[in-house]
Amino acid sequence: MPLASQTDTLYLLWKIVSHFKTVMTMRDFFLQLFITLICFARWT
């Protein structure tokens, strides 16, 4: 995956995570973050 595309994807994921962080409990936020990290690790 090109670096630029990868950066854009990470930025989009960060915006999504940041949005949900304001409406979810801290436990659910960390669970979502954990899943996001797993998905990112599988892409690379």
C-alpha atoms as a PDB file:
ATOM      1  CA  MET A   1       0.000   0.000   0.000  1.00  0.00           C
ATOM      2  CA  PRO A   2       1.433   3.425  -0.962  1.00  0.00           C
ATOM      3  CA  LEU A   3       2.546   5.550   1.971  1.00  0.00           C
ATOM      4  CA  ALA A   4       0.245   8.447   1.039  1.00  0.00           C
ATOM      5  CA  SER A   5      -2.781   6.157   0.850  1.00  0.00           C
ATOM      6  CA  GLN A   6      -1.785   4.509   4.117  1.00  0.00           C
ATOM      7  CA  THR A   7      -1.487   7.890   5.808  1.00  0.00           C
ATOM      8  CA  ASP A   8      -4.903   8.966   4.521  1.00  0.00           C
ATOM      9  CA  THR A   9      -6.395   5.720   5.819  1.00  0.00           C
ATOM     10  CA  LEU A  10      -4.844   6.212   9.248  1.00  0.00           C
ATOM     11  CA  TYR A  11      -6.117   9.800   9.345  1.00  0.00           C
ATOM     12  CA  LEU A  12      -9.618   8.626   8.488  1.00  0.00           C
ATOM     13  CA  LEU A  13      -9.457   5.906  11.143  1.00  0.00           C
ATOM     14  CA  TRP A  14      -8.225   8.460  13.692  1.00  0.00           C
ATOM     15  CA  LYS A  15     -11.149  10.771  12.895  1.00  0.00           C
ATOM     16  CA  ILE A  16     -13.578   7.869  13.310  1.00  0.00           C
ATOM     17  CA  VAL A  17     -11.986   6.739  16.569  1.00  0.00           C
ATOM     18  CA  SER A  18     -11.894  10.314  17.874  1.00  0.00           C
ATOM     19  CA  HIS A  19     -15.596  10.702  17.105  1.00  0.00           C
ATOM     20  CA  PHE A  20     -16.615   7.483  18.814  1.00  0.00           C
ATOM     21  CA  LYS A  21     -14.392   8.258  21.798  1.00  0.00           C
ATOM     22  CA  THR A  22     -16.775  11.069  22.690  1.00  0.00           C
ATOM     23  CA  VAL A  23     -19.844   8.817  22.711  1.00  0.00           C
ATOM     24  CA  MET A  24     -18.492   5.522  24.029  1.00  0.00           C
ATOM     25  CA  THR A  25     -17.267   4.468  27.441  1.00  0.00           C
ATOM     26  CA  MET A  26     -13.521   4.232  27.981  1.00  0.00           C
ATOM     27  CA  ARG A  27     -13.685   0.427  27.967  1.00  0.00           C
ATOM     28  CA  ASP A  28     -15.451   0.362  24.616  1.00  0.00           C
ATOM     29  CA  PHE A  29     -13.017   2.951  23.250  1.00  0.00           C
ATOM     30  CA  PHE A  30     -10.008   0.808  24.096  1.00  0.00           C
ATOM     31  CA  LEU A  31     -11.753  -2.242  22.647  1.00  0.00           C
ATOM     32  CA  GLN A  32     -12.343  -0.368  19.389  1.00  0.00           C
ATOM     33  CA  LEU A  33      -8.741   0.867  19.390  1.00  0.00           C
ATOM     34  CA  PHE A  34      -7.500  -2.691  19.926  1.00  0.00           C
ATOM     35  CA  ILE A  35      -9.573  -3.956  16.978  1.00  0.00           C
ATOM     36  CA  THR A  36      -8.311  -1.082  14.820  1.00  0.00           C
ATOM     37  CA  LEU A  37      -4.700  -1.973  15.641  1.00  0.00           C
ATOM     38  CA  ILE A  38      -5.322  -5.621  14.727  1.00  0.00           C
ATOM     39  CA  CYS A  39      -6.893  -4.628  11.398  1.00  0.00           C
ATOM     40  CA  PHE A  40      -3.985  -2.267  10.663  1.00  0.00           C
ATOM     41  CA  ALA A  41      -1.464  -4.990  11.485  1.00  0.00           C
ATOM     42  CA  ARG A  42      -3.194  -7.349   9.046  1.00  0.00           C
ATOM     43  CA  TRP A  43      -3.031  -4.755   6.240  1.00  0.00           C
ATOM     44  CA  THR A  44       0.725  -4.238   6.557  1.00  0.00           C
END
